[in-house]
Amino acid sequence: MSSLRTNTRPQQCRPSKPTTPGHGTSGSNPPNLSTHVIHLKQMGTFYDAPGEYGYVLEGGNHGFESLSFILTETHPGAGPPLHTHGCEEAHVLLEGSARYIIGKRTFTAQAPYVVRIPAGVPHTFMNTGDRVFRLIAVLPGQKISYTELGPNPLLKKNP
């Protein structure tokens, strides 16, 4: 715990340039950067596969210098397709459990946890619990790149 108490801020957390209102946005209605709360209705939505849907917050559209987020609602036995991102990713789950494929490794993690996924590595997960879980994915950058590689190999095939 003592490593968390420090008087120095990591260099990479400091903004390299001043925030410009509307920076990284598209459309005619830039976000109101005077607010610090971003509601789900302000985010994009997705529906990847049965039982896997959620929200996408591309940070550049909401005043973040270098963070984007994916918030999922994942039902038991569900998960996203196998995919990659052009950057590293962290998954945060406070309740539940998930089975992962990250590259050539397959493992199960029981919450609470943070899973580290390296850039460019194929990955997916499946909710192994008996309740819906809400996972938060954190990615560096103002935009999210996503390349779908195929179906989730952890999911049961339909007869």
N, C-alpha and C. Protein backbone atom coordinates (compact mmCIF):
# COMPACT_ATOMS: atom_id res chain seq x y z
N MET A 1 0.81 -1.20 0.00
CA MET A 1 0.00 0.00 0.00
C MET A 1 0.85 1.27 0.00
N SER A 2 2.02 1.22 0.57
CA SER A 2 2.83 2.42 0.65
C SER A 2 3.21 2.95 -0.72
N SER A 3 3.25 2.07 -1.74
CA SER A 3 3.58 2.54 -3.08
C SER A 3 2.49 3.44 -3.65
N LEU A 4 1.27 3.38 -3.10
CA LEU A 4 0.19 4.24 -3.57
C LEU A 4 0.30 5.65 -3.01
N ARG A 5 1.00 5.79 -1.93
CA ARG A 5 1.15 7.10 -1.30
C ARG A 5 2.45 7.74 -1.75
N THR A 6 2.32 8.60 -2.72
CA THR A 6 3.50 9.26 -3.25
C THR A 6 3.16 10.71 -3.54
N ASN A 7 4.15 11.54 -3.49
CA ASN A 7 3.94 12.97 -3.78
C ASN A 7 4.25 13.30 -5.22
N THR A 8 4.72 12.33 -5.99
CA THR A 8 5.03 12.60 -7.39
C THR A 8 3.99 11.96 -8.27
N ARG A 9 3.60 12.68 -9.30
CA ARG A 9 2.64 12.16 -10.27
C ARG A 9 3.39 11.53 -11.41
N PRO A 10 2.97 10.36 -11.90
CA PRO A 10 3.64 9.77 -13.06
C PRO A 10 3.59 10.72 -14.25
N GLN A 11 4.68 10.85 -14.95
CA GLN A 11 4.79 11.77 -16.07
C GLN A 11 3.72 11.53 -17.13
N GLN A 12 3.40 10.26 -17.44
CA GLN A 12 2.45 9.98 -18.50
C GLN A 12 1.03 10.41 -18.17
N CYS A 13 0.72 10.75 -16.92
CA CYS A 13 -0.62 11.18 -16.56
C CYS A 13 -0.84 12.66 -16.76
N ARG A 14 0.22 13.40 -16.98
CA ARG A 14 0.07 14.85 -17.18
C ARG A 14 -0.31 15.14 -18.63
N PRO A 15 -1.28 16.03 -18.83
CA PRO A 15 -1.63 16.38 -20.21
C PRO A 15 -0.45 17.02 -20.91
N SER A 16 -0.23 16.64 -22.17
CA SER A 16 0.89 17.20 -22.92
C SER A 16 0.54 18.53 -23.56
N LYS A 17 -0.73 18.84 -23.64
CA LYS A 17 -1.16 20.11 -24.22
C LYS A 17 -2.46 20.51 -23.54
N PRO A 18 -2.81 21.78 -23.57
CA PRO A 18 -4.06 22.20 -22.95
C PRO A 18 -5.26 21.58 -23.65
N THR A 19 -6.29 21.31 -22.88
CA THR A 19 -7.52 20.77 -23.45
C THR A 19 -8.23 21.85 -24.25
N THR A 20 -8.58 21.50 -25.46
CA THR A 20 -9.30 22.41 -26.33
C THR A 20 -10.75 21.98 -26.38
N PRO A 21 -11.70 22.86 -26.03
CA PRO A 21 -13.11 22.46 -26.10
C PRO A 21 -13.46 21.93 -27.48
N GLY A 22 -14.15 20.78 -27.51
CA GLY A 22 -14.55 20.19 -28.76
C GLY A 22 -13.48 19.37 -29.43
N HIS A 23 -12.27 19.29 -28.84
CA HIS A 23 -11.17 18.54 -29.44
C HIS A 23 -11.55 17.09 -29.62
N GLY A 24 -11.37 16.56 -30.82
CA GLY A 24 -11.63 15.16 -31.08
C GLY A 24 -13.10 14.82 -31.28
N THR A 25 -13.94 15.82 -31.43
CA THR A 25 -15.37 15.54 -31.57
C THR A 25 -15.75 15.59 -33.03
N SER A 26 -16.86 14.98 -33.33
CA SER A 26 -17.42 15.08 -34.67
C SER A 26 -18.84 15.61 -34.54
N GLY A 27 -19.33 16.20 -35.58
CA GLY A 27 -20.69 16.73 -35.55
C GLY A 27 -20.70 18.18 -35.11
N SER A 28 -21.87 18.76 -35.06
CA SER A 28 -21.99 20.17 -34.78
C SER A 28 -22.23 20.47 -33.30
N ASN A 29 -22.46 19.46 -32.48
CA ASN A 29 -22.70 19.68 -31.05
C ASN A 29 -21.58 19.11 -30.21
N PRO A 30 -20.50 19.89 -30.00
CA PRO A 30 -19.41 19.38 -29.17
C PRO A 30 -19.91 19.18 -27.74
N PRO A 31 -19.27 18.27 -27.01
CA PRO A 31 -19.72 18.02 -25.63
C PRO A 31 -19.50 19.24 -24.76
N ASN A 32 -20.29 19.33 -23.72
CA ASN A 32 -20.13 20.39 -22.75
C ASN A 32 -19.02 19.96 -21.80
N LEU A 33 -17.81 20.50 -22.01
CA LEU A 33 -16.66 20.08 -21.23
C LEU A 33 -16.65 20.68 -19.83
N SER A 34 -17.63 21.54 -19.53
CA SER A 34 -17.69 22.10 -18.18
C SER A 34 -18.30 21.10 -17.20
N THR A 35 -18.89 20.02 -17.72
CA THR A 35 -19.46 19.00 -16.85
C THR A 35 -18.48 17.85 -16.69
N HIS A 36 -18.52 17.20 -15.56
CA HIS A 36 -17.64 16.08 -15.29
C HIS A 36 -18.38 14.76 -15.30
N VAL A 37 -19.66 14.79 -15.59
CA VAL A 37 -20.48 13.57 -15.58
C VAL A 37 -20.93 13.27 -17.00
N ILE A 38 -20.70 12.03 -17.44
CA ILE A 38 -21.13 11.59 -18.75
C ILE A 38 -22.14 10.47 -18.53
N HIS A 39 -23.36 10.70 -18.94
CA HIS A 39 -24.44 9.72 -18.73
C HIS A 39 -24.47 8.70 -19.85
N LEU A 40 -25.02 7.53 -19.57
CA LEU A 40 -25.09 6.46 -20.56
C LEU A 40 -25.77 6.92 -21.85
N LYS A 41 -26.78 7.77 -21.74
CA LYS A 41 -27.51 8.22 -22.93
C LYS A 41 -26.63 9.08 -23.84
N GLN A 42 -25.47 9.53 -23.35
CA GLN A 42 -24.54 10.32 -24.15
C GLN A 42 -23.51 9.44 -24.86
N MET A 43 -23.53 8.14 -24.61
CA MET A 43 -22.55 7.22 -25.18
C MET A 43 -23.15 6.45 -26.35
N GLY A 44 -22.27 5.91 -27.18
CA GLY A 44 -22.70 5.01 -28.23
C GLY A 44 -23.10 3.68 -27.63
N THR A 45 -23.89 2.89 -28.34
CA THR A 45 -24.31 1.58 -27.85
C THR A 45 -23.85 0.51 -28.83
N PHE A 46 -23.80 -0.74 -28.35
CA PHE A 46 -23.48 -1.86 -29.22
C PHE A 46 -24.24 -3.10 -28.76
N TYR A 47 -24.40 -4.01 -29.70
CA TYR A 47 -24.99 -5.32 -29.43
C TYR A 47 -24.16 -6.30 -30.25
N ASP A 48 -23.19 -6.96 -29.59
CA ASP A 48 -22.26 -7.83 -30.30
C ASP A 48 -22.84 -9.19 -30.62
N ALA A 49 -23.44 -9.80 -29.63
CA ALA A 49 -23.94 -11.17 -29.74
C ALA A 49 -25.05 -11.31 -28.72
N PRO A 50 -25.89 -12.33 -28.85
CA PRO A 50 -26.93 -12.49 -27.83
C PRO A 50 -26.34 -12.51 -26.42
N GLY A 51 -26.89 -11.65 -25.56
CA GLY A 51 -26.44 -11.59 -24.17
C GLY A 51 -25.25 -10.69 -23.93
N GLU A 52 -24.75 -9.98 -24.95
CA GLU A 52 -23.57 -9.11 -24.79
C GLU A 52 -23.87 -7.77 -25.45
N TYR A 53 -24.13 -6.76 -24.61
CA TYR A 53 -24.35 -5.43 -25.16
C TYR A 53 -23.85 -4.40 -24.16
N GLY A 54 -23.82 -3.15 -24.61
CA GLY A 54 -23.32 -2.13 -23.71
C GLY A 54 -23.14 -0.78 -24.35
N TYR A 55 -22.20 -0.03 -23.79
CA TYR A 55 -21.98 1.37 -24.15
C TYR A 55 -20.51 1.59 -24.46
N VAL A 56 -20.27 2.52 -25.39
CA VAL A 56 -18.91 2.89 -25.77
C VAL A 56 -18.74 4.39 -25.55
N LEU A 57 -17.71 4.74 -24.81
CA LEU A 57 -17.37 6.14 -24.59
C LEU A 57 -16.00 6.36 -25.21
N GLU A 58 -15.96 6.96 -26.40
CA GLU A 58 -14.69 7.33 -27.01
C GLU A 58 -14.29 8.66 -26.38
N GLY A 59 -13.19 8.62 -25.65
CA GLY A 59 -12.79 9.73 -24.81
C GLY A 59 -12.66 11.07 -25.50
N GLY A 60 -12.17 11.07 -26.73
CA GLY A 60 -12.00 12.33 -27.46
C GLY A 60 -13.30 13.07 -27.68
N ASN A 61 -14.42 12.35 -27.69
CA ASN A 61 -15.72 12.97 -27.87
C ASN A 61 -16.27 13.56 -26.58
N HIS A 62 -15.57 13.33 -25.47
CA HIS A 62 -16.07 13.78 -24.17
C HIS A 62 -15.01 14.50 -23.35
N GLY A 63 -13.96 14.99 -24.00
CA GLY A 63 -12.96 15.81 -23.32
C GLY A 63 -11.81 15.06 -22.68
N PHE A 64 -11.74 13.74 -22.84
CA PHE A 64 -10.59 13.01 -22.30
C PHE A 64 -9.39 13.16 -23.23
N GLU A 65 -8.23 13.33 -22.66
CA GLU A 65 -6.99 13.42 -23.44
C GLU A 65 -6.53 12.05 -23.91
N SER A 66 -6.68 11.02 -23.07
CA SER A 66 -6.08 9.74 -23.44
C SER A 66 -6.79 8.53 -22.82
N LEU A 67 -8.09 8.58 -22.66
CA LEU A 67 -8.84 7.45 -22.13
C LEU A 67 -10.14 7.25 -22.89
N SER A 68 -10.48 5.97 -23.10
CA SER A 68 -11.78 5.59 -23.64
C SER A 68 -12.27 4.39 -22.84
N PHE A 69 -13.58 4.14 -22.89
CA PHE A 69 -14.19 3.11 -22.05
C PHE A 69 -15.23 2.31 -22.82
N ILE A 70 -15.37 1.05 -22.45
CA ILE A 70 -16.46 0.20 -22.91
C ILE A 70 -17.13 -0.34 -21.65
N LEU A 71 -18.44 -0.18 -21.54
CA LEU A 71 -19.20 -0.68 -20.38
C LEU A 71 -20.12 -1.77 -20.90
N THR A 72 -19.93 -3.00 -20.43
CA THR A 72 -20.75 -4.09 -20.95
C THR A 72 -21.78 -4.54 -19.93
N GLU A 73 -22.85 -5.11 -20.44
CA GLU A 73 -23.79 -5.88 -19.64
C GLU A 73 -23.76 -7.26 -20.28
N THR A 74 -23.15 -8.20 -19.58
CA THR A 74 -22.91 -9.53 -20.14
C THR A 74 -23.70 -10.57 -19.35
N HIS A 75 -24.57 -11.28 -20.03
CA HIS A 75 -25.42 -12.29 -19.40
C HIS A 75 -24.66 -13.60 -19.23
N PRO A 76 -25.10 -14.47 -18.32
CA PRO A 76 -24.43 -15.77 -18.13
C PRO A 76 -24.32 -16.54 -19.45
N GLY A 77 -23.14 -17.09 -19.70
CA GLY A 77 -22.90 -17.85 -20.93
C GLY A 77 -22.68 -17.01 -22.16
N ALA A 78 -22.58 -15.70 -22.01
CA ALA A 78 -22.41 -14.80 -23.16
C ALA A 78 -21.05 -14.10 -23.09
N GLY A 79 -20.67 -13.50 -24.20
CA GLY A 79 -19.43 -12.73 -24.28
C GLY A 79 -19.24 -12.22 -25.69
N PRO A 80 -18.27 -11.35 -25.89
CA PRO A 80 -18.05 -10.73 -27.21
C PRO A 80 -17.36 -11.69 -28.18
N PRO A 81 -17.38 -11.36 -29.46
CA PRO A 81 -16.62 -12.14 -30.44
C PRO A 81 -15.12 -12.05 -30.13
N LEU A 82 -14.35 -12.98 -30.67
CA LEU A 82 -12.89 -12.90 -30.57
C LEU A 82 -12.46 -11.66 -31.35
N HIS A 83 -11.59 -10.84 -30.76
CA HIS A 83 -11.22 -9.58 -31.39
C HIS A 83 -9.86 -9.08 -30.89
N THR A 84 -9.39 -8.01 -31.51
CA THR A 84 -8.18 -7.33 -31.07
C THR A 84 -8.46 -5.83 -31.02
N HIS A 85 -7.58 -5.15 -30.30
CA HIS A 85 -7.55 -3.68 -30.29
C HIS A 85 -6.11 -3.28 -30.63
N GLY A 86 -5.95 -2.10 -31.18
CA GLY A 86 -4.62 -1.60 -31.53
C GLY A 86 -3.83 -1.10 -30.33
N CYS A 87 -4.42 -1.16 -29.15
CA CYS A 87 -3.75 -0.69 -27.94
C CYS A 87 -4.03 -1.67 -26.81
N GLU A 88 -3.31 -1.52 -25.72
CA GLU A 88 -3.57 -2.36 -24.56
C GLU A 88 -4.94 -2.04 -23.98
N GLU A 89 -5.44 -2.95 -23.16
CA GLU A 89 -6.78 -2.79 -22.59
C GLU A 89 -6.77 -3.37 -21.18
N ALA A 90 -7.59 -2.82 -20.31
CA ALA A 90 -7.77 -3.37 -18.96
C ALA A 90 -9.26 -3.63 -18.77
N HIS A 91 -9.58 -4.79 -18.21
CA HIS A 91 -10.96 -5.13 -17.85
C HIS A 91 -11.08 -5.06 -16.34
N VAL A 92 -12.12 -4.38 -15.87
CA VAL A 92 -12.38 -4.25 -14.43
C VAL A 92 -13.74 -4.90 -14.17
N LEU A 93 -13.74 -5.88 -13.27
CA LEU A 93 -14.99 -6.53 -12.88
C LEU A 93 -15.02 -6.60 -11.36
N LEU A 94 -16.07 -6.06 -10.77
CA LEU A 94 -16.19 -6.03 -9.31
C LEU A 94 -16.98 -7.20 -8.75
N GLU A 95 -17.88 -7.79 -9.55
CA GLU A 95 -18.68 -8.94 -9.11
C GLU A 95 -18.85 -9.90 -10.26
N GLY A 96 -18.70 -11.20 -9.99
CA GLY A 96 -18.90 -12.22 -10.99
C GLY A 96 -17.61 -12.94 -11.35
N SER A 97 -17.70 -13.75 -12.40
CA SER A 97 -16.51 -14.47 -12.87
C SER A 97 -16.59 -14.60 -14.39
N ALA A 98 -15.42 -14.70 -14.99
CA ALA A 98 -15.34 -14.79 -16.44
C ALA A 98 -14.23 -15.75 -16.84
N ARG A 99 -14.46 -16.45 -17.93
CA ARG A 99 -13.43 -17.28 -18.56
C ARG A 99 -12.88 -16.46 -19.71
N TYR A 100 -11.56 -16.41 -19.82
CA TYR A 100 -10.87 -15.59 -20.81
C TYR A 100 -10.06 -16.44 -21.77
N ILE A 101 -9.95 -15.94 -22.98
CA ILE A 101 -8.89 -16.34 -23.90
C ILE A 101 -8.13 -15.05 -24.20
N ILE A 102 -6.84 -15.05 -23.92
CA ILE A 102 -5.96 -13.93 -24.26
C ILE A 102 -4.75 -14.56 -24.95
N GLY A 103 -4.67 -14.36 -26.25
CA GLY A 103 -3.62 -15.01 -27.01
C GLY A 103 -3.82 -16.52 -26.95
N LYS A 104 -2.80 -17.26 -26.50
CA LYS A 104 -2.87 -18.72 -26.41
C LYS A 104 -3.26 -19.20 -25.02
N ARG A 105 -3.50 -18.27 -24.09
CA ARG A 105 -3.85 -18.63 -22.72
C ARG A 105 -5.35 -18.62 -22.51
N THR A 106 -5.85 -19.59 -21.76
CA THR A 106 -7.25 -19.65 -21.35
C THR A 106 -7.26 -19.80 -19.84
N PHE A 107 -8.06 -18.97 -19.16
CA PHE A 107 -8.12 -19.00 -17.70
C PHE A 107 -9.44 -18.42 -17.23
N THR A 108 -9.77 -18.67 -15.96
CA THR A 108 -10.96 -18.12 -15.33
C THR A 108 -10.53 -17.17 -14.23
N ALA A 109 -11.22 -16.04 -14.14
CA ALA A 109 -10.92 -15.05 -13.10
C ALA A 109 -12.19 -14.78 -12.29
N GLN A 110 -12.04 -14.72 -10.98
CA GLN A 110 -13.15 -14.44 -10.06
C GLN A 110 -13.00 -13.00 -9.56
N ALA A 111 -14.05 -12.21 -9.67
CA ALA A 111 -14.01 -10.81 -9.24
C ALA A 111 -13.86 -10.73 -7.72
N PRO A 112 -13.34 -9.63 -7.24
CA PRO A 112 -12.95 -8.41 -7.98
C PRO A 112 -11.57 -8.58 -8.63
N TYR A 113 -11.43 -8.04 -9.85
CA TYR A 113 -10.16 -8.15 -10.56
C TYR A 113 -10.00 -7.07 -11.61
N VAL A 114 -8.74 -6.97 -12.07
CA VAL A 114 -8.38 -6.22 -13.27
C VAL A 114 -7.58 -7.18 -14.13
N VAL A 115 -7.99 -7.34 -15.38
CA VAL A 115 -7.26 -8.19 -16.33
C VAL A 115 -6.54 -7.28 -17.31
N ARG A 116 -5.27 -7.59 -17.56
CA ARG A 116 -4.43 -6.82 -18.49
C ARG A 116 -4.38 -7.55 -19.83
N ILE A 117 -4.71 -6.83 -20.90
CA ILE A 117 -4.70 -7.41 -22.25
C ILE A 117 -3.73 -6.59 -23.10
N PRO A 118 -2.66 -7.21 -23.57
CA PRO A 118 -1.68 -6.48 -24.39
C PRO A 118 -2.26 -6.05 -25.74
N ALA A 119 -1.69 -5.02 -26.31
CA ALA A 119 -2.10 -4.50 -27.62
C ALA A 119 -1.95 -5.56 -28.69
N GLY A 120 -2.93 -5.64 -29.59
CA GLY A 120 -2.86 -6.51 -30.74
C GLY A 120 -3.05 -7.99 -30.48
N VAL A 121 -3.33 -8.38 -29.24
CA VAL A 121 -3.47 -9.79 -28.89
C VAL A 121 -4.95 -10.20 -28.99
N PRO A 122 -5.26 -11.27 -29.73
CA PRO A 122 -6.65 -11.73 -29.81
C PRO A 122 -7.17 -12.11 -28.43
N HIS A 123 -8.40 -11.70 -28.14
CA HIS A 123 -8.96 -11.98 -26.82
C HIS A 123 -10.48 -11.98 -26.85
N THR A 124 -11.04 -12.63 -25.84
CA THR A 124 -12.47 -12.64 -25.62
C THR A 124 -12.71 -13.15 -24.20
N PHE A 125 -13.97 -13.15 -23.78
CA PHE A 125 -14.33 -13.68 -22.47
C PHE A 125 -15.75 -14.19 -22.51
N MET A 126 -16.13 -14.92 -21.47
CA MET A 126 -17.50 -15.40 -21.32
C MET A 126 -17.87 -15.32 -19.84
N ASN A 127 -19.05 -14.83 -19.55
CA ASN A 127 -19.56 -14.79 -18.19
C ASN A 127 -19.82 -16.22 -17.73
N THR A 128 -19.08 -16.67 -16.71
CA THR A 128 -19.24 -18.04 -16.20
C THR A 128 -20.13 -18.10 -14.97
N GLY A 129 -20.65 -16.96 -14.55
CA GLY A 129 -21.51 -16.94 -13.37
C GLY A 129 -22.96 -17.21 -13.71
N ASP A 130 -23.82 -17.03 -12.70
CA ASP A 130 -25.26 -17.25 -12.90
C ASP A 130 -26.06 -15.95 -12.89
N ARG A 131 -25.35 -14.82 -12.93
CA ARG A 131 -25.99 -13.50 -12.97
C ARG A 131 -25.33 -12.63 -14.03
N VAL A 132 -26.07 -11.64 -14.48
CA VAL A 132 -25.52 -10.64 -15.39
C VAL A 132 -24.37 -9.93 -14.68
N PHE A 133 -23.28 -9.67 -15.40
CA PHE A 133 -22.25 -8.82 -14.82
C PHE A 133 -22.02 -7.60 -15.70
N ARG A 134 -21.47 -6.59 -15.08
CA ARG A 134 -21.16 -5.34 -15.76
C ARG A 134 -19.65 -5.14 -15.69
N LEU A 135 -19.03 -5.24 -16.86
CA LEU A 135 -17.58 -5.13 -16.98
C LEU A 135 -17.24 -3.76 -17.55
N ILE A 136 -16.17 -3.18 -17.07
CA ILE A 136 -15.67 -1.91 -17.60
C ILE A 136 -14.32 -2.18 -18.25
N ALA A 137 -14.21 -1.85 -19.52
CA ALA A 137 -12.95 -1.94 -20.24
C ALA A 137 -12.38 -0.52 -20.36
N VAL A 138 -11.10 -0.38 -20.07
CA VAL A 138 -10.43 0.91 -20.14
C VAL A 138 -9.33 0.80 -21.20
N LEU A 139 -9.33 1.75 -22.13
CA LEU A 139 -8.34 1.75 -23.21
C LEU A 139 -7.70 3.13 -23.31
N PRO A 140 -6.39 3.18 -23.59
CA PRO A 140 -5.74 4.48 -23.76
C PRO A 140 -6.09 5.05 -25.13
N GLY A 141 -6.27 6.32 -25.19
CA GLY A 141 -6.53 6.97 -26.47
C GLY A 141 -7.91 7.59 -26.53
N GLN A 142 -8.08 8.46 -27.51
CA GLN A 142 -9.34 9.17 -27.68
C GLN A 142 -10.34 8.40 -28.52
N LYS A 143 -9.90 7.40 -29.24
CA LYS A 143 -10.76 6.57 -30.09
C LYS A 143 -10.48 5.11 -29.77
N ILE A 144 -11.44 4.24 -30.10
CA ILE A 144 -11.28 2.81 -29.87
C ILE A 144 -11.19 2.11 -31.22
N SER A 145 -10.11 1.34 -31.41
CA SER A 145 -10.01 0.51 -32.61
C SER A 145 -10.40 -0.91 -32.22
N TYR A 146 -11.11 -1.59 -33.10
CA TYR A 146 -11.65 -2.91 -32.81
C TYR A 146 -11.65 -3.71 -34.10
N THR A 147 -11.02 -4.88 -34.09
CA THR A 147 -11.03 -5.76 -35.25
C THR A 147 -11.59 -7.10 -34.82
N GLU A 148 -12.77 -7.45 -35.36
CA GLU A 148 -13.39 -8.72 -35.03
C GLU A 148 -12.71 -9.83 -35.82
N LEU A 149 -12.35 -10.92 -35.13
CA LEU A 149 -11.64 -12.03 -35.75
C LEU A 149 -12.53 -13.24 -36.00
N GLY A 150 -13.68 -13.30 -35.35
CA GLY A 150 -14.57 -14.44 -35.52
C GLY A 150 -15.42 -14.64 -34.29
N PRO A 151 -16.20 -15.72 -34.27
CA PRO A 151 -17.07 -15.97 -33.12
C PRO A 151 -16.26 -16.27 -31.86
N ASN A 152 -16.91 -16.12 -30.74
CA ASN A 152 -16.29 -16.40 -29.44
C ASN A 152 -16.19 -17.92 -29.28
N PRO A 153 -14.96 -18.48 -29.24
CA PRO A 153 -14.83 -19.94 -29.13
C PRO A 153 -15.24 -20.51 -27.77
N LEU A 154 -15.48 -19.66 -26.79
CA LEU A 154 -15.89 -20.12 -25.47
C LEU A 154 -17.40 -20.40 -25.39
N LEU A 155 -18.16 -19.82 -26.30
CA LEU A 155 -19.62 -19.95 -26.24
C LEU A 155 -20.07 -21.29 -26.79
N LYS A 156 -21.13 -21.81 -26.18
CA LYS A 156 -21.70 -23.08 -26.65
C LYS A 156 -22.35 -22.86 -28.01
N LYS A 157 -22.15 -23.84 -28.88
CA LYS A 157 -22.77 -23.79 -30.21
C LYS A 157 -24.23 -24.13 -30.13
N ASN A 158 -25.04 -23.47 -30.95
CA ASN A 158 -26.46 -23.81 -31.04
C ASN A 158 -26.63 -25.10 -31.83
N PRO A 159 -27.55 -26.00 -31.42
CA PRO A 159 -27.73 -27.28 -32.15
C PRO A 159 -28.23 -27.09 -33.55
